[in-house]
Amino acid sequence: MPISPPAPERAPRLLTHLQQFTSLQTGQLDAARRLLRQHPSLPLDSFGISSSIYPEPGRPQHNLILRLGAHDTAGITAWARALGTEPRIDGARHRLNTVLDGIGIWASATVPETDYDMDQAVFVPTADDVTETIRGLLVTDYGDDGYLLITGHPPLRDVLAVTSAYYRETCGVRLRAFDGRALADNISRSWGQFVAYPTREEWQLRSVPEDTPGALPVTWMYARDGHTQDIGAPVHCPTCGRPSRGLDYDSETGDRVHLCPAPVCRHRWHVDHCPTSPGLAPDADQRAALTFH
């Protein structure tokens, strides 16, 4: 990628922007001044800062971030060599990670997909590449829409068992069918390529035909259509006193509500207005009366 060096007159503006950070440390500002003074021709869009409460051994507590173009990998290399080091390359991600006068200097850029050999980045995932391994299957919480990605095309009962175990062990909730639907209806199967882009830690999945080289069977479970029950902190129904972990949504207000599991009760109450102790529940006579209604 071409390097577009900033004009020297941009230095005051960059420093002014940096000084707006309320958590700025003097060392970070001094490092920025030194970089601009010694390397005025190198590309730089802006500065950022970060600090670590518990930095890694041998790493500085305060850092100065050099912000370049998202794909300016040549700029990363130029900065690294100007500071006496080499960029760290992980897949398509190029990083600068060094120390100047006790201040960490960070920067990163990524080779765009159009310039990267995506076919060579195809890989077969292992347990190290996913969220969990359950019943011998690799499971990943994929995206923000409530999808579970499971490797292979396992039997239906195994997909449901893995989904249940994932929500129970990883999320701390129990999953149940929602509004008369069957969770099995939310299962779909396809083929895909796991691609280490921009890095293997941040891989992506490409949907491809079954006969594509490197294609692997994958199973999708869309689990957002299920009731979730908190198995860690039960509350008690204010009507019948039964312990409840059921959660649902009020059909009129959309508010989150608790749901009593007792078939003769099924009371709903707002999650912010519920007793958490059995002592607040009805007594035995009240519960008995409710049973016969």
Protein backbone atom coordinates (compact mmCIF):
# COMPACT_ATOMS: atom_id res chain seq x y z
CA MET A 1 0.00 0.00 0.00
CA PRO A 2 1.32 3.49 -0.74
CA ILE A 3 2.53 5.71 2.07
CA SER A 4 1.01 9.19 2.21
CA PRO A 5 3.12 11.18 4.66
CA PRO A 6 1.39 13.97 6.54
CA ALA A 7 2.51 17.52 5.98
CA PRO A 8 4.72 18.87 8.81
CA GLU A 9 2.08 21.47 9.68
CA ARG A 10 -0.23 18.65 10.80
CA ALA A 11 1.94 17.97 13.85
CA PRO A 12 0.38 20.74 16.03
CA ARG A 13 -3.12 19.50 15.21
CA LEU A 14 -2.19 15.92 16.09
CA LEU A 15 -0.74 17.04 19.42
CA THR A 16 -3.77 19.20 20.17
CA HIS A 17 -6.05 16.21 19.57
CA LEU A 18 -3.89 14.03 21.81
CA GLN A 19 -4.02 16.56 24.65
CA GLN A 20 -7.81 16.27 24.76
CA PHE A 21 -7.58 12.84 26.42
CA THR A 22 -8.26 13.33 30.13
CA SER A 23 -6.22 10.25 31.08
CA LEU A 24 -3.18 11.36 29.09
CA GLN A 25 0.16 10.77 30.82
CA THR A 26 3.11 13.10 30.35
CA GLY A 27 5.21 10.26 29.01
CA GLN A 28 2.72 9.58 26.25
CA LEU A 29 2.70 13.22 25.18
CA ASP A 30 6.51 13.40 25.24
CA ALA A 31 6.73 10.25 23.12
CA ALA A 32 4.30 11.72 20.59
CA ARG A 33 6.33 14.92 20.32
CA ARG A 34 9.51 12.92 19.79
CA LEU A 35 7.94 10.78 17.06
CA LEU A 36 6.62 13.80 15.18
CA ARG A 37 9.94 15.62 15.51
CA GLN A 38 12.14 12.70 14.43
CA HIS A 39 9.84 11.17 11.77
CA PRO A 40 7.78 13.96 10.21
CA SER A 41 7.45 12.17 6.85
CA LEU A 42 5.87 8.96 8.14
CA PRO A 43 2.09 8.45 7.77
CA LEU A 44 -0.07 9.23 10.75
CA ASP A 45 -3.78 10.06 10.97
CA SER A 46 -4.11 10.54 14.72
CA PHE A 47 -2.99 9.35 18.14
CA GLY A 48 -4.73 7.20 20.71
CA ILE A 49 -3.76 6.16 24.22
CA SER A 50 -4.28 3.18 26.49
CA SER A 51 -3.18 2.15 29.97
CA SER A 52 -3.12 -1.20 31.75
CA ILE A 53 -3.89 -1.63 35.42
CA TYR A 54 -2.01 -4.92 35.40
CA PRO A 55 0.39 -4.85 32.43
CA GLU A 56 1.98 -8.04 31.22
CA PRO A 57 5.45 -8.77 32.61
CA GLY A 58 8.00 -6.64 30.80
CA ARG A 59 5.35 -4.44 29.19
CA PRO A 60 4.88 -0.72 30.00
CA GLN A 61 1.78 0.46 31.79
CA HIS A 62 1.05 3.36 29.41
CA ASN A 63 0.82 3.12 25.63
CA LEU A 64 0.65 5.46 22.66
CA ILE A 65 -1.36 4.23 19.68
CA LEU A 66 -0.44 5.36 16.17
CA ARG A 67 -3.52 5.39 13.97
CA LEU A 68 -2.81 4.91 10.28
CA GLY A 69 -5.05 3.88 7.42
CA ALA A 70 -6.86 0.60 8.12
CA HIS A 71 -4.95 -1.10 5.27
CA ASP A 72 -1.67 0.84 5.41
CA THR A 73 0.56 -2.15 6.11
CA ALA A 74 3.46 -0.37 4.36
CA GLY A 75 3.08 2.44 6.88
CA ILE A 76 3.29 -0.07 9.74
CA THR A 77 6.50 -1.44 8.28
CA ALA A 78 7.95 2.06 7.83
CA TRP A 79 7.21 3.00 11.44
CA ALA A 80 8.57 -0.29 12.77
CA ARG A 81 11.86 0.06 10.92
CA ALA A 82 12.18 3.72 11.89
CA LEU A 83 11.94 2.60 15.51
CA GLY A 84 14.53 -0.15 15.08
CA THR A 85 12.24 -3.17 14.87
CA GLU A 86 10.15 -5.18 12.39
CA PRO A 87 6.38 -5.48 12.13
CA ARG A 88 4.74 -8.54 13.63
CA ILE A 89 2.75 -10.27 10.91
CA ASP A 90 -0.10 -12.61 11.84
CA GLY A 91 -2.05 -13.64 8.78
CA ALA A 92 -3.27 -10.44 7.15
CA ARG A 93 -2.71 -8.36 10.29
CA HIS A 94 0.48 -6.27 10.55
CA ARG A 95 1.31 -4.87 13.99
CA LEU A 96 3.82 -2.48 15.48
CA ASN A 97 4.60 -3.27 19.10
CA THR A 98 7.63 -1.64 20.64
CA VAL A 99 8.70 0.64 23.51
CA LEU A 100 9.99 4.21 23.37
CA ASP A 101 11.20 5.99 26.52
CA GLY A 102 9.16 3.62 28.69
CA ILE A 103 5.97 4.12 26.65
CA GLY A 104 4.50 1.30 24.59
CA ILE A 105 4.07 2.17 20.90
CA TRP A 106 1.24 0.32 19.15
CA ALA A 107 -0.19 0.31 15.63
CA SER A 108 -1.90 -2.15 13.30
CA ALA A 109 -3.20 -2.45 9.75
CA THR A 110 -4.73 -5.27 7.73
CA VAL A 111 -4.14 -6.42 4.18
CA PRO A 112 -7.51 -6.03 2.36
CA GLU A 113 -9.30 -9.21 1.25
CA THR A 114 -8.84 -8.27 -2.40
CA ASP A 115 -5.05 -8.34 -1.95
CA TYR A 116 -4.88 -11.41 0.28
CA ASP A 117 -4.70 -15.07 -0.79
CA MET A 118 -7.93 -16.16 0.88
CA ASP A 119 -7.75 -19.67 -0.59
CA GLN A 120 -4.41 -20.27 1.11
CA ALA A 121 -5.96 -19.13 4.39
CA VAL A 122 -8.52 -21.98 4.45
CA PHE A 123 -7.95 -24.28 7.43
CA VAL A 124 -9.51 -27.14 9.39
CA PRO A 125 -10.55 -25.90 12.85
CA THR A 126 -9.48 -27.52 16.10
CA ALA A 127 -10.59 -27.12 19.69
CA ASP A 128 -8.27 -24.10 19.98
CA ASP A 129 -10.27 -22.22 17.33
CA VAL A 130 -13.75 -22.44 18.87
CA THR A 131 -15.62 -21.51 22.03
CA GLU A 132 -16.23 -25.00 23.43
CA THR A 133 -15.85 -28.69 22.67
CA ILE A 134 -19.03 -30.50 23.75
CA ARG A 135 -19.65 -34.21 23.18
CA GLY A 136 -16.70 -34.22 20.82
CA LEU A 137 -18.20 -31.49 18.64
CA LEU A 138 -16.68 -28.03 18.12
CA VAL A 139 -19.14 -25.30 19.12
CA THR A 140 -18.90 -21.55 18.58
CA ASP A 141 -21.25 -18.72 19.53
CA TYR A 142 -21.28 -17.04 16.11
CA GLY A 143 -22.23 -13.41 15.54
CA ASP A 144 -24.73 -11.27 17.45
CA ASP A 145 -27.92 -13.02 16.38
CA GLY A 146 -27.93 -15.99 18.73
CA TYR A 147 -26.49 -18.59 16.38
CA LEU A 148 -24.49 -21.60 17.51
CA LEU A 149 -22.14 -23.03 14.89
CA ILE A 150 -21.43 -26.74 15.27
CA THR A 151 -18.91 -28.58 13.14
CA GLY A 152 -20.16 -31.56 11.17
CA HIS A 153 -23.68 -32.81 10.49
CA PRO A 154 -24.39 -34.70 13.72
CA PRO A 155 -27.74 -36.37 14.45
CA LEU A 156 -30.58 -34.13 15.57
CA ARG A 157 -30.49 -35.41 19.16
CA ASP A 158 -26.79 -34.56 19.42
CA VAL A 159 -27.36 -31.00 18.19
CA LEU A 160 -30.08 -30.49 20.80
CA ALA A 161 -27.91 -32.02 23.51
CA VAL A 162 -24.96 -29.81 22.58
CA THR A 163 -27.19 -26.72 22.51
CA SER A 164 -28.61 -27.54 25.93
CA ALA A 165 -25.14 -28.19 27.37
CA TYR A 166 -23.74 -24.98 25.89
CA TYR A 167 -26.44 -22.77 27.38
CA ARG A 168 -26.27 -24.57 30.72
CA GLU A 169 -22.49 -24.70 31.14
CA THR A 170 -21.36 -21.56 29.30
CA CYS A 171 -24.29 -19.17 29.73
CA GLY A 172 -25.67 -20.46 33.03
CA VAL A 173 -29.22 -20.79 31.71
CA ARG A 174 -31.56 -23.59 30.71
CA LEU A 175 -33.07 -23.39 27.23
CA ARG A 176 -36.67 -24.34 26.52
CA ALA A 177 -38.89 -24.20 23.44
CA PHE A 178 -40.64 -20.88 22.89
CA ASP A 179 -44.29 -20.14 22.07
CA GLY A 180 -45.13 -23.65 20.95
CA ARG A 181 -42.16 -23.92 18.61
CA ALA A 182 -39.76 -26.84 18.55
CA LEU A 183 -36.07 -26.05 18.93
CA ALA A 184 -35.35 -28.70 16.31
CA ASP A 185 -37.04 -26.46 13.72
CA ASN A 186 -34.21 -23.96 14.20
CA ILE A 187 -31.51 -26.34 12.97
CA SER A 188 -30.04 -26.00 9.49
CA ARG A 189 -27.12 -27.69 7.78
CA SER A 190 -24.73 -26.40 5.14
CA TRP A 191 -21.11 -26.45 3.98
CA GLY A 192 -18.45 -23.86 4.62
CA GLN A 193 -14.78 -22.95 4.56
CA PHE A 194 -13.02 -21.75 7.68
CA VAL A 195 -10.73 -18.90 6.61
CA ALA A 196 -7.95 -17.45 8.76
CA TYR A 197 -8.68 -13.84 7.88
CA PRO A 198 -7.58 -11.46 9.15
CA THR A 199 -6.00 -13.90 11.61
CA ARG A 200 -6.75 -17.42 12.74
CA GLU A 201 -7.99 -16.05 16.07
CA GLU A 202 -10.47 -13.87 14.14
CA TRP A 203 -11.45 -16.39 11.48
CA GLN A 204 -14.47 -16.10 9.24
CA LEU A 205 -16.70 -18.72 7.66
CA ARG A 206 -17.48 -18.72 3.95
CA SER A 207 -20.60 -20.51 2.70
CA VAL A 208 -19.59 -22.72 -0.24
CA PRO A 209 -20.96 -25.68 -2.21
CA GLU A 210 -20.21 -29.15 -0.88
CA ASP A 211 -17.71 -29.97 -3.66
CA THR A 212 -15.54 -26.88 -2.98
CA PRO A 213 -11.97 -27.75 -1.92
CA GLY A 214 -11.64 -27.35 1.82
CA ALA A 215 -15.41 -27.34 2.38
CA LEU A 216 -16.52 -28.78 5.72
CA PRO A 217 -20.00 -29.76 6.94
CA VAL A 218 -21.42 -27.29 9.47
CA THR A 219 -24.65 -27.15 11.44
CA TRP A 220 -26.42 -23.98 12.57
CA MET A 221 -28.68 -23.70 15.59
CA TYR A 222 -30.65 -20.49 15.97
CA ALA A 223 -31.39 -20.57 19.68
CA ARG A 224 -32.84 -17.11 20.26
CA ASP A 225 -36.38 -18.49 19.93
CA GLY A 226 -36.10 -20.33 23.23
CA HIS A 227 -37.07 -19.51 26.79
CA THR A 228 -33.99 -19.08 28.94
CA GLN A 229 -34.09 -20.07 32.60
CA ASP A 230 -31.44 -18.82 34.99
CA ILE A 231 -30.16 -21.90 36.85
CA GLY A 232 -27.88 -19.92 39.15
CA ALA A 233 -30.21 -17.63 41.11
CA PRO A 234 -33.82 -18.82 41.51
CA VAL A 235 -36.57 -16.47 42.66
CA HIS A 236 -39.92 -17.43 44.17
CA CYS A 237 -43.31 -16.81 42.66
CA PRO A 238 -45.17 -14.13 44.67
CA THR A 239 -48.44 -15.96 44.03
CA CYS A 240 -47.72 -19.62 44.82
CA GLY A 241 -44.21 -19.50 46.27
CA ARG A 242 -42.70 -22.03 43.90
CA PRO A 243 -39.00 -21.52 42.97
CA SER A 244 -38.76 -20.18 39.45
CA ARG A 245 -35.98 -19.60 36.97
CA GLY A 246 -38.21 -19.05 33.96
CA LEU A 247 -37.90 -15.84 31.92
CA ASP A 248 -40.16 -14.45 29.22
CA TYR A 249 -41.29 -11.14 27.67
CA ASP A 250 -44.54 -9.32 28.36
CA SER A 251 -46.55 -9.39 25.11
CA GLU A 252 -47.88 -5.84 25.61
CA THR A 253 -44.97 -3.91 27.12
CA GLY A 254 -42.06 -6.03 25.92
CA ASP A 255 -40.60 -5.98 29.45
CA ARG A 256 -38.63 -8.95 30.75
CA VAL A 257 -40.72 -10.97 33.21
CA HIS A 258 -40.35 -14.02 35.43
CA LEU A 259 -42.58 -16.99 34.64
CA CYS A 260 -43.83 -19.37 37.32
CA PRO A 261 -43.36 -23.01 36.23
CA ALA A 262 -46.39 -24.33 38.16
CA PRO A 263 -49.11 -25.40 35.65
CA VAL A 264 -51.86 -24.28 38.06
CA CYS A 265 -50.27 -20.86 38.46
CA ARG A 266 -48.18 -19.65 35.49
CA HIS A 267 -48.01 -16.22 37.12
CA ARG A 268 -45.80 -13.60 35.45
CA TRP A 269 -44.09 -10.73 37.25
CA HIS A 270 -41.55 -8.06 36.33
CA VAL A 271 -37.93 -9.03 36.89
CA ASP A 272 -37.25 -5.92 38.99
CA HIS A 273 -40.20 -6.48 41.34
CA CYS A 274 -40.00 -9.98 42.68
CA PRO A 275 -39.32 -11.61 46.05
CA THR A 276 -36.02 -13.48 46.25
CA SER A 277 -36.71 -15.24 49.54
CA PRO A 278 -39.21 -18.03 50.31
CA GLY A 279 -40.23 -16.00 53.36
CA LEU A 280 -42.05 -13.56 51.06
CA ALA A 281 -44.12 -16.28 49.41
CA PRO A 282 -47.71 -17.21 50.39
CA ASP A 283 -48.15 -19.58 53.29
CA ALA A 284 -49.24 -23.21 52.98
CA ASP A 285 -52.98 -22.43 53.25
CA GLN A 286 -52.75 -19.86 50.48
CA ARG A 287 -50.89 -22.29 48.23
CA ALA A 288 -53.43 -25.02 48.94
CA ALA A 289 -56.27 -22.67 48.08
CA LEU A 290 -54.56 -21.76 44.83
CA THR A 291 -54.22 -25.44 43.89
CA PHE A 292 -57.98 -25.93 43.86
CA HIS A 293 -58.77 -22.88 41.73
